[in-house]
Amino acid sequence: MGTYTGLATLVLPDSTREQGVVALRSKRTESSPVQSWSGTFRPDDPSADFSSALGSALPLELPIGSTGEVLLEGVEGAGSDTAVRLVGSGPPPF
């Protein structure tokens, strides 16, 4: 199991690059050798609109030089309290 908390850039379908802070965690279940990972993204821009990207698979870039693909599962809160729920696809980028 691993974790990453820090800066990240989420690239939206229209190529907009939203910067913010992510809290990611990975886990491996006993029934599968594949790691699953998920977390939340809190955008720096409180007016960022993620509604059109819900259900989309998007790149998530970490400043450590790695990129992972995430599915935008939902949005909670509004304004400066916005948290986007992410589910990772493929290997975790951390």
PDB file of N, CA and C in Angstrom:
ATOM      1  N   MET A   1       0.849  -1.177   0.000  1.00  0.00           N
ATOM      2  CA  MET A   1       0.000   0.000   0.000  1.00  0.00           C
ATOM      3  C   MET A   1       0.890   1.233   0.000  1.00  0.00           C
ATOM      4  N   GLY A   2       0.541   2.203  -0.847  1.00  0.00           N
ATOM      5  CA  GLY A   2       1.308   3.435  -0.906  1.00  0.00           C
ATOM      6  C   GLY A   2       0.390   4.641  -0.869  1.00  0.00           C
ATOM      7  N   THR A   3       0.968   5.780  -0.598  1.00  0.00           N
ATOM      8  CA  THR A   3       0.199   7.025  -0.577  1.00  0.00           C
ATOM      9  C   THR A   3       1.008   8.137  -1.223  1.00  0.00           C
ATOM     10  N   TYR A   4       0.297   9.130  -1.716  1.00  0.00           N
ATOM     11  CA  TYR A   4       0.917  10.352  -2.218  1.00  0.00           C
ATOM     12  C   TYR A   4      -0.025  11.494  -1.881  1.00  0.00           C
ATOM     13  N   THR A   5       0.486  12.516  -1.258  1.00  0.00           N
ATOM     14  CA  THR A   5      -0.265  13.741  -1.007  1.00  0.00           C
ATOM     15  C   THR A   5       0.618  14.888  -1.456  1.00  0.00           C
ATOM     16  N   GLY A   6       0.087  15.698  -2.360  1.00  0.00           N
ATOM     17  CA  GLY A   6       0.881  16.815  -2.858  1.00  0.00           C
ATOM     18  C   GLY A   6       0.281  17.424  -4.103  1.00  0.00           C
ATOM     19  N   LEU A   7       1.085  18.206  -4.786  1.00  0.00           N
ATOM     20  CA  LEU A   7       0.642  18.914  -5.978  1.00  0.00           C
ATOM     21  C   LEU A   7       0.390  17.955  -7.130  1.00  0.00           C
ATOM     22  N   ALA A   8      -0.546  18.343  -8.008  1.00  0.00           N
ATOM     23  CA  ALA A   8      -0.847  17.555  -9.202  1.00  0.00           C
ATOM     24  C   ALA A   8      -1.540  18.454 -10.215  1.00  0.00           C
ATOM     25  N   THR A   9      -1.541  18.007 -11.463  1.00  0.00           N
ATOM     26  CA  THR A   9      -2.254  18.694 -12.532  1.00  0.00           C
ATOM     27  C   THR A   9      -3.191  17.696 -13.185  1.00  0.00           C
ATOM     28  N   LEU A  10      -4.464  18.065 -13.269  1.00  0.00           N
ATOM     29  CA  LEU A  10      -5.477  17.249 -13.916  1.00  0.00           C
ATOM     30  C   LEU A  10      -5.757  17.872 -15.277  1.00  0.00           C
ATOM     31  N   VAL A  11      -5.634  17.084 -16.351  1.00  0.00           N
ATOM     32  CA  VAL A  11      -5.836  17.590 -17.708  1.00  0.00           C
ATOM     33  C   VAL A  11      -7.253  17.223 -18.144  1.00  0.00           C
ATOM     34  N   LEU A  12      -8.109  18.245 -18.311  1.00  0.00           N
ATOM     35  CA  LEU A  12      -9.515  18.039 -18.654  1.00  0.00           C
ATOM     36  C   LEU A  12      -9.683  17.747 -20.147  1.00  0.00           C
ATOM     37  N   PRO A  13     -10.873  17.264 -20.574  1.00  0.00           N
ATOM     38  CA  PRO A  13     -11.088  16.911 -21.980  1.00  0.00           C
ATOM     39  C   PRO A  13     -10.825  18.050 -22.966  1.00  0.00           C
ATOM     40  N   ASP A  14     -11.033  19.298 -22.543  1.00  0.00           N
ATOM     41  CA  ASP A  14     -10.785  20.433 -23.446  1.00  0.00           C
ATOM     42  C   ASP A  14      -9.334  20.914 -23.376  1.00  0.00           C
ATOM     43  N   SER A  15      -8.463  20.121 -22.765  1.00  0.00           N
ATOM     44  CA  SER A  15      -7.023  20.390 -22.588  1.00  0.00           C
ATOM     45  C   SER A  15      -6.715  21.433 -21.520  1.00  0.00           C
ATOM     46  N   THR A  16      -7.738  21.897 -20.795  1.00  0.00           N
ATOM     47  CA  THR A  16      -7.498  22.787 -19.661  1.00  0.00           C
ATOM     48  C   THR A  16      -6.695  22.025 -18.617  1.00  0.00           C
ATOM     49  N   ARG A  17      -5.701  22.678 -18.066  1.00  0.00           N
ATOM     50  CA  ARG A  17      -4.839  22.067 -17.049  1.00  0.00           C
ATOM     51  C   ARG A  17      -5.188  22.672 -15.694  1.00  0.00           C
ATOM     52  N   GLU A  18      -5.874  21.894 -14.875  1.00  0.00           N
ATOM     53  CA  GLU A  18      -6.268  22.341 -13.544  1.00  0.00           C
ATOM     54  C   GLU A  18      -5.224  21.879 -12.537  1.00  0.00           C
ATOM     55  N   GLN A  19      -4.653  22.823 -11.815  1.00  0.00           N
ATOM     56  CA  GLN A  19      -3.678  22.480 -10.789  1.00  0.00           C
ATOM     57  C   GLN A  19      -4.370  22.411  -9.434  1.00  0.00           C
ATOM     58  N   GLY A  20      -3.820  21.609  -8.560  1.00  0.00           N
ATOM     59  CA  GLY A  20      -4.397  21.470  -7.235  1.00  0.00           C
ATOM     60  C   GLY A  20      -3.586  20.512  -6.391  1.00  0.00           C
ATOM     61  N   VAL A  21      -4.224  20.020  -5.344  1.00  0.00           N
ATOM     62  CA  VAL A  21      -3.588  19.096  -4.406  1.00  0.00           C
ATOM     63  C   VAL A  21      -4.370  17.785  -4.423  1.00  0.00           C
ATOM     64  N   VAL A  22      -3.640  16.672  -4.488  1.00  0.00           N
ATOM     65  CA  VAL A  22      -4.278  15.359  -4.445  1.00  0.00           C
ATOM     66  C   VAL A  22      -3.884  14.623  -3.173  1.00  0.00           C
ATOM     67  N   ALA A  23      -4.760  13.739  -2.768  1.00  0.00           N
ATOM     68  CA  ALA A  23      -4.462  12.766  -1.717  1.00  0.00           C
ATOM     69  C   ALA A  23      -4.811  11.416  -2.329  1.00  0.00           C
ATOM     70  N   LEU A  24      -3.788  10.608  -2.640  1.00  0.00           N
ATOM     71  CA  LEU A  24      -3.977   9.332  -3.321  1.00  0.00           C
ATOM     72  C   LEU A  24      -3.509   8.187  -2.434  1.00  0.00           C
ATOM     73  N   ARG A  25      -4.134   7.034  -2.605  1.00  0.00           N
ATOM     74  CA  ARG A  25      -3.721   5.846  -1.868  1.00  0.00           C
ATOM     75  C   ARG A  25      -3.908   4.621  -2.769  1.00  0.00           C
ATOM     76  N   SER A  26      -3.018   3.684  -2.634  1.00  0.00           N
ATOM     77  CA  SER A  26      -3.136   2.433  -3.383  1.00  0.00           C
ATOM     78  C   SER A  26      -3.277   1.284  -2.398  1.00  0.00           C
ATOM     79  N   LYS A  27      -3.880   0.206  -2.866  1.00  0.00           N
ATOM     80  CA  LYS A  27      -4.005  -0.977  -2.015  1.00  0.00           C
ATOM     81  C   LYS A  27      -4.005  -2.219  -2.892  1.00  0.00           C
ATOM     82  N   ARG A  28      -3.572  -3.291  -2.308  1.00  0.00           N
ATOM     83  CA  ARG A  28      -3.549  -4.588  -2.990  1.00  0.00           C
ATOM     84  C   ARG A  28      -4.422  -5.525  -2.180  1.00  0.00           C
ATOM     85  N   THR A  29      -5.353  -6.159  -2.844  1.00  0.00           N
ATOM     86  CA  THR A  29      -6.221  -7.097  -2.137  1.00  0.00           C
ATOM     87  C   THR A  29      -5.609  -8.492  -2.190  1.00  0.00           C
ATOM     88  N   GLU A  30      -5.990  -9.317  -1.254  1.00  0.00           N
ATOM     89  CA  GLU A  30      -5.471 -10.686  -1.222  1.00  0.00           C
ATOM     90  C   GLU A  30      -5.937 -11.492  -2.421  1.00  0.00           C
ATOM     91  N   SER A  31      -7.099 -11.154  -2.960  1.00  0.00           N
ATOM     92  CA  SER A  31      -7.653 -11.920  -4.077  1.00  0.00           C
ATOM     93  C   SER A  31      -7.066 -11.513  -5.428  1.00  0.00           C
ATOM     94  N   SER A  32      -6.330 -10.408  -5.473  1.00  0.00           N
ATOM     95  CA  SER A  32      -5.778  -9.942  -6.747  1.00  0.00           C
ATOM     96  C   SER A  32      -4.401  -9.327  -6.533  1.00  0.00           C
ATOM     97  N   PRO A  33      -3.447  -9.654  -7.399  1.00  0.00           N
ATOM     98  CA  PRO A  33      -2.118  -9.063  -7.275  1.00  0.00           C
ATOM     99  C   PRO A  33      -2.054  -7.631  -7.819  1.00  0.00           C
ATOM    100  N   VAL A  34      -3.128  -7.180  -8.450  1.00  0.00           N
ATOM    101  CA  VAL A  34      -3.155  -5.850  -9.055  1.00  0.00           C
ATOM    102  C   VAL A  34      -3.484  -4.802  -7.996  1.00  0.00           C
ATOM    103  N   GLN A  35      -2.726  -3.714  -7.993  1.00  0.00           N
ATOM    104  CA  GLN A  35      -2.997  -2.619  -7.059  1.00  0.00           C
ATOM    105  C   GLN A  35      -4.118  -1.744  -7.601  1.00  0.00           C
ATOM    106  N   SER A  36      -5.060  -1.400  -6.740  1.00  0.00           N
ATOM    107  CA  SER A  36      -6.060  -0.401  -7.100  1.00  0.00           C
ATOM    108  C   SER A  36      -5.677   0.890  -6.387  1.00  0.00           C
ATOM    109  N   TRP A  37      -6.078   2.020  -6.957  1.00  0.00           N
ATOM    110  CA  TRP A  37      -5.759   3.286  -6.310  1.00  0.00           C
ATOM    111  C   TRP A  37      -6.870   4.291  -6.563  1.00  0.00           C
ATOM    112  N   SER A  38      -6.978   5.235  -5.634  1.00  0.00           N
ATOM    113  CA  SER A  38      -8.039   6.237  -5.699  1.00  0.00           C
ATOM    114  C   SER A  38      -7.654   7.406  -4.806  1.00  0.00           C
ATOM    115  N   GLY A  39      -8.509   8.420  -4.806  1.00  0.00           N
ATOM    116  CA  GLY A  39      -8.243   9.565  -3.950  1.00  0.00           C
ATOM    117  C   GLY A  39      -9.106  10.754  -4.300  1.00  0.00           C
ATOM    118  N   THR A  40      -8.652  11.920  -3.876  1.00  0.00           N
ATOM    119  CA  THR A  40      -9.373  13.167  -4.134  1.00  0.00           C
ATOM    120  C   THR A  40      -8.426  14.213  -4.695  1.00  0.00           C
ATOM    121  N   PHE A  41      -9.011  15.113  -5.479  1.00  0.00           N
ATOM    122  CA  PHE A  41      -8.288  16.236  -6.069  1.00  0.00           C
ATOM    123  C   PHE A  41      -8.997  17.504  -5.626  1.00  0.00           C
ATOM    124  N   ARG A  42      -8.244  18.426  -5.049  1.00  0.00           N
ATOM    125  CA  ARG A  42      -8.791  19.725  -4.636  1.00  0.00           C
ATOM    126  C   ARG A  42      -8.159  20.799  -5.515  1.00  0.00           C
ATOM    127  N   PRO A  43      -8.960  21.369  -6.433  1.00  0.00           N
ATOM    128  CA  PRO A  43      -8.404  22.338  -7.383  1.00  0.00           C
ATOM    129  C   PRO A  43      -8.007  23.650  -6.714  1.00  0.00           C
ATOM    130  N   ASP A  44      -6.952  24.267  -7.243  1.00  0.00           N
ATOM    131  CA  ASP A  44      -6.549  25.595  -6.774  1.00  0.00           C
ATOM    132  C   ASP A  44      -7.577  26.649  -7.157  1.00  0.00           C
ATOM    133  N   ASP A  45      -8.242  26.452  -8.307  1.00  0.00           N
ATOM    134  CA  ASP A  45      -9.225  27.405  -8.827  1.00  0.00           C
ATOM    135  C   ASP A  45     -10.616  27.013  -8.324  1.00  0.00           C
ATOM    136  N   PRO A  46     -11.197  27.787  -7.392  1.00  0.00           N
ATOM    137  CA  PRO A  46     -12.502  27.427  -6.838  1.00  0.00           C
ATOM    138  C   PRO A  46     -13.641  27.501  -7.855  1.00  0.00           C
ATOM    139  N   SER A  47     -13.413  28.142  -9.001  1.00  0.00           N
ATOM    140  CA  SER A  47     -14.471  28.238 -10.009  1.00  0.00           C
ATOM    141  C   SER A  47     -14.353  27.150 -11.078  1.00  0.00           C
ATOM    142  N   ALA A  48     -13.406  26.242 -10.936  1.00  0.00           N
ATOM    143  CA  ALA A  48     -13.220  25.174 -11.925  1.00  0.00           C
ATOM    144  C   ALA A  48     -14.485  24.324 -12.022  1.00  0.00           C
ATOM    145  N   ASP A  49     -14.877  24.004 -13.260  1.00  0.00           N
ATOM    146  CA  ASP A  49     -16.089  23.224 -13.502  1.00  0.00           C
ATOM    147  C   ASP A  49     -15.703  21.831 -14.008  1.00  0.00           C
ATOM    148  N   PHE A  50     -16.029  20.825 -13.233  1.00  0.00           N
ATOM    149  CA  PHE A  50     -15.688  19.454 -13.593  1.00  0.00           C
ATOM    150  C   PHE A  50     -16.903  18.667 -14.074  1.00  0.00           C
ATOM    151  N   SER A  51     -18.078  19.294 -14.136  1.00  0.00           N
ATOM    152  CA  SER A  51     -19.308  18.564 -14.440  1.00  0.00           C
ATOM    153  C   SER A  51     -19.262  17.872 -15.797  1.00  0.00           C
ATOM    154  N   SER A  52     -18.683  18.496 -16.807  1.00  0.00           N
ATOM    155  CA  SER A  52     -18.643  17.876 -18.135  1.00  0.00           C
ATOM    156  C   SER A  52     -17.613  16.753 -18.213  1.00  0.00           C
ATOM    157  N   ALA A  53     -16.723  16.665 -17.239  1.00  0.00           N
ATOM    158  CA  ALA A  53     -15.675  15.641 -17.257  1.00  0.00           C
ATOM    159  C   ALA A  53     -16.016  14.423 -16.398  1.00  0.00           C
ATOM    160  N   LEU A  54     -17.142  14.465 -15.682  1.00  0.00           N
ATOM    161  CA  LEU A  54     -17.509  13.326 -14.833  1.00  0.00           C
ATOM    162  C   LEU A  54     -17.654  12.067 -15.681  1.00  0.00           C
ATOM    163  N   GLY A  55     -17.086  10.993 -15.221  1.00  0.00           N
ATOM    164  CA  GLY A  55     -17.123   9.737 -15.957  1.00  0.00           C
ATOM    165  C   GLY A  55     -16.030   9.609 -16.999  1.00  0.00           C
ATOM    166  N   SER A  56     -15.238  10.653 -17.184  1.00  0.00           N
ATOM    167  CA  SER A  56     -14.160  10.638 -18.178  1.00  0.00           C
ATOM    168  C   SER A  56     -12.870  10.105 -17.574  1.00  0.00           C
ATOM    169  N   ALA A  57     -12.070   9.463 -18.422  1.00  0.00           N
ATOM    170  CA  ALA A  57     -10.723   9.037 -18.036  1.00  0.00           C
ATOM    171  C   ALA A  57      -9.762  10.138 -18.461  1.00  0.00           C
ATOM    172  N   LEU A  58      -9.013  10.674 -17.502  1.00  0.00           N
ATOM    173  CA  LEU A  58      -8.149  11.827 -17.755  1.00  0.00           C
ATOM    174  C   LEU A  58      -6.756  11.602 -17.186  1.00  0.00           C
ATOM    175  N   PRO A  59      -5.748  12.266 -17.772  1.00  0.00           N
ATOM    176  CA  PRO A  59      -4.402  12.179 -17.208  1.00  0.00           C
ATOM    177  C   PRO A  59      -4.268  13.018 -15.938  1.00  0.00           C
ATOM    178  N   LEU A  60      -3.569  12.455 -14.978  1.00  0.00           N
ATOM    179  CA  LEU A  60      -3.223  13.151 -13.745  1.00  0.00           C
ATOM    180  C   LEU A  60      -1.702  13.176 -13.676  1.00  0.00           C
ATOM    181  N   GLU A  61      -1.136  14.380 -13.734  1.00  0.00           N
ATOM    182  CA  GLU A  61       0.320  14.534 -13.758  1.00  0.00           C
ATOM    183  C   GLU A  61       0.829  14.912 -12.373  1.00  0.00           C
ATOM    184  N   LEU A  62       1.847  14.199 -11.923  1.00  0.00           N
ATOM    185  CA  LEU A  62       2.480  14.495 -10.642  1.00  0.00           C
ATOM    186  C   LEU A  62       3.825  15.171 -10.896  1.00  0.00           C
ATOM    187  N   PRO A  63       4.246  16.071 -10.013  1.00  0.00           N
ATOM    188  CA  PRO A  63       5.509  16.787 -10.226  1.00  0.00           C
ATOM    189  C   PRO A  63       6.746  15.900 -10.076  1.00  0.00           C
ATOM    190  N   ILE A  64       6.557  14.666  -9.666  1.00  0.00           N
ATOM    191  CA  ILE A  64       7.685  13.743  -9.567  1.00  0.00           C
ATOM    192  C   ILE A  64       8.000  13.128 -10.928  1.00  0.00           C
ATOM    193  N   GLY A  65       7.292  13.595 -11.977  1.00  0.00           N
ATOM    194  CA  GLY A  65       7.569  13.158 -13.341  1.00  0.00           C
ATOM    195  C   GLY A  65       6.741  11.990 -13.824  1.00  0.00           C
ATOM    196  N   SER A  66       5.712  11.624 -13.107  1.00  0.00           N
ATOM    197  CA  SER A  66       4.886  10.499 -13.529  1.00  0.00           C
ATOM    198  C   SER A  66       3.456  10.944 -13.801  1.00  0.00           C
ATOM    199  N   THR A  67       2.775  10.152 -14.621  1.00  0.00           N
ATOM    200  CA  THR A  67       1.393  10.431 -14.995  1.00  0.00           C
ATOM    201  C   THR A  67       0.576   9.159 -14.829  1.00  0.00           C
ATOM    202  N   GLY A  68      -0.630   9.316 -14.330  1.00  0.00           N
ATOM    203  CA  GLY A  68      -1.557   8.199 -14.215  1.00  0.00           C
ATOM    204  C   GLY A  68      -2.883   8.590 -14.827  1.00  0.00           C
ATOM    205  N   GLU A  69      -3.682   7.601 -15.168  1.00  0.00           N
ATOM    206  CA  GLU A  69      -5.005   7.870 -15.712  1.00  0.00           C
ATOM    207  C   GLU A  69      -6.038   7.696 -14.610  1.00  0.00           C
ATOM    208  N   VAL A  70      -6.942   8.665 -14.507  1.00  0.00           N
ATOM    209  CA  VAL A  70      -7.980   8.611 -13.481  1.00  0.00           C
ATOM    210  C   VAL A  70      -9.356   8.788 -14.101  1.00  0.00           C
ATOM    211  N   LEU A  71     -10.333   8.185 -13.470  1.00  0.00           N
ATOM    212  CA  LEU A  71     -11.729   8.363 -13.818  1.00  0.00           C
ATOM    213  C   LEU A  71     -12.311   9.339 -12.815  1.00  0.00           C
ATOM    214  N   LEU A  72     -12.962  10.398 -13.305  1.00  0.00           N
ATOM    215  CA  LEU A  72     -13.600  11.358 -12.409  1.00  0.00           C
ATOM    216  C   LEU A  72     -14.937  10.770 -11.979  1.00  0.00           C
ATOM    217  N   GLU A  73     -15.005  10.396 -10.712  1.00  0.00           N
ATOM    218  CA  GLU A  73     -16.162   9.675 -10.190  1.00  0.00           C
ATOM    219  C   GLU A  73     -17.249  10.596  -9.655  1.00  0.00           C
ATOM    220  N   GLY A  74     -16.876  11.754  -9.152  1.00  0.00           N
ATOM    221  CA  GLY A  74     -17.871  12.656  -8.593  1.00  0.00           C
ATOM    222  C   GLY A  74     -17.230  13.900  -8.033  1.00  0.00           C
ATOM    223  N   VAL A  75     -18.073  14.884  -7.727  1.00  0.00           N
ATOM    224  CA  VAL A  75     -17.608  16.148  -7.159  1.00  0.00           C
ATOM    225  C   VAL A  75     -18.400  16.407  -5.890  1.00  0.00           C
ATOM    226  N   GLU A  76     -17.686  16.743  -4.828  1.00  0.00           N
ATOM    227  CA  GLU A  76     -18.323  17.077  -3.555  1.00  0.00           C
ATOM    228  C   GLU A  76     -17.974  18.509  -3.205  1.00  0.00           C
ATOM    229  N   GLY A  77     -18.896  19.197  -2.572  1.00  0.00           N
ATOM    230  CA  GLY A  77     -18.648  20.567  -2.135  1.00  0.00           C
ATOM    231  C   GLY A  77     -18.701  21.545  -3.291  1.00  0.00           C
ATOM    232  N   ALA A  78     -18.372  22.796  -2.977  1.00  0.00           N
ATOM    233  CA  ALA A  78     -18.380  23.858  -3.984  1.00  0.00           C
ATOM    234  C   ALA A  78     -17.366  24.917  -3.595  1.00  0.00           C
ATOM    235  N   GLY A  79     -16.964  25.702  -4.574  1.00  0.00           N
ATOM    236  CA  GLY A  79     -16.016  26.779  -4.309  1.00  0.00           C
ATOM    237  C   GLY A  79     -14.703  26.245  -3.777  1.00  0.00           C
ATOM    238  N   SER A  80     -14.203  26.870  -2.730  1.00  0.00           N
ATOM    239  CA  SER A  80     -12.904  26.468  -2.176  1.00  0.00           C
ATOM    240  C   SER A  80     -12.964  25.127  -1.444  1.00  0.00           C
ATOM    241  N   ASP A  81     -14.171  24.576  -1.254  1.00  0.00           N
ATOM    242  CA  ASP A  81     -14.323  23.271  -0.602  1.00  0.00           C
ATOM    243  C   ASP A  81     -14.527  22.132  -1.597  1.00  0.00           C
ATOM    244  N   THR A  82     -14.323  22.389  -2.898  1.00  0.00           N
ATOM    245  CA  THR A  82     -14.533  21.369  -3.918  1.00  0.00           C
ATOM    246  C   THR A  82     -13.525  20.235  -3.777  1.00  0.00           C
ATOM    247  N   ALA A  83     -14.021  19.009  -3.825  1.00  0.00           N
ATOM    248  CA  ALA A  83     -13.172  17.817  -3.838  1.00  0.00           C
ATOM    249  C   ALA A  83     -13.685  16.896  -4.939  1.00  0.00           C
ATOM    250  N   VAL A  84     -12.812  16.546  -5.871  1.00  0.00           N
ATOM    251  CA  VAL A  84     -13.162  15.659  -6.973  1.00  0.00           C
ATOM    252  C   VAL A  84     -12.704  14.251  -6.606  1.00  0.00           C
ATOM    253  N   ARG A  85     -13.634  13.293  -6.632  1.00  0.00           N
ATOM    254  CA  ARG A  85     -13.288  11.897  -6.335  1.00  0.00           C
ATOM    255  C   ARG A  85     -12.682  11.245  -7.573  1.00  0.00           C
ATOM    256  N   LEU A  86     -11.524  10.610  -7.392  1.00  0.00           N
ATOM    257  CA  LEU A  86     -10.789   9.983  -8.487  1.00  0.00           C
ATOM    258  C   LEU A  86     -10.649   8.483  -8.251  1.00  0.00           C
ATOM    259  N   VAL A  87     -10.730   7.717  -9.339  1.00  0.00           N
ATOM    260  CA  VAL A  87     -10.428   6.291  -9.296  1.00  0.00           C
ATOM    261  C   VAL A  87      -9.366   6.040 -10.355  1.00  0.00           C
ATOM    262  N   GLY A  88      -8.238   5.486  -9.940  1.00  0.00           N
ATOM    263  CA  GLY A  88      -7.131   5.261 -10.852  1.00  0.00           C
ATOM    264  C   GLY A  88      -7.358   4.084 -11.782  1.00  0.00           C
ATOM    265  N   SER A  89      -6.727   4.171 -12.958  1.00  0.00           N
ATOM    266  CA  SER A  89      -6.745   3.099 -13.937  1.00  0.00           C
ATOM    267  C   SER A  89      -5.295   2.763 -14.268  1.00  0.00           C
ATOM    268  N   GLY A  90      -4.958   1.496 -14.216  1.00  0.00           N
ATOM    269  CA  GLY A  90      -3.575   1.118 -14.467  1.00  0.00           C
ATOM    270  C   GLY A  90      -2.743   1.247 -13.207  1.00  0.00           C
ATOM    271  N   PRO A  91      -1.428   1.165 -13.362  1.00  0.00           N
ATOM    272  CA  PRO A  91      -0.558   1.232 -12.182  1.00  0.00           C
ATOM    273  C   PRO A  91      -0.562   2.617 -11.548  1.00  0.00           C
ATOM    274  N   PRO A  92      -0.428   2.703 -10.229  1.00  0.00           N
ATOM    275  CA  PRO A  92      -0.384   4.009  -9.572  1.00  0.00           C
ATOM    276  C   PRO A  92       0.883   4.770  -9.981  1.00  0.00           C
ATOM    277  N   PRO A  93       0.774   6.087 -10.163  1.00  0.00           N
ATOM    278  CA  PRO A  93       1.925   6.886 -10.590  1.00  0.00           C
ATOM    279  C   PRO A  93       2.828   7.329  -9.441  1.00  0.00           C
ATOM    280  N   PHE A  94       2.657   6.734  -8.273  1.00  0.00           N
ATOM    281  CA  PHE A  94       3.443   7.136  -7.099  1.00  0.00           C
ATOM    282  C   PHE A  94       4.026   5.930  -6.407  1.00  0.00           C
TER     283      PHE A  94
END
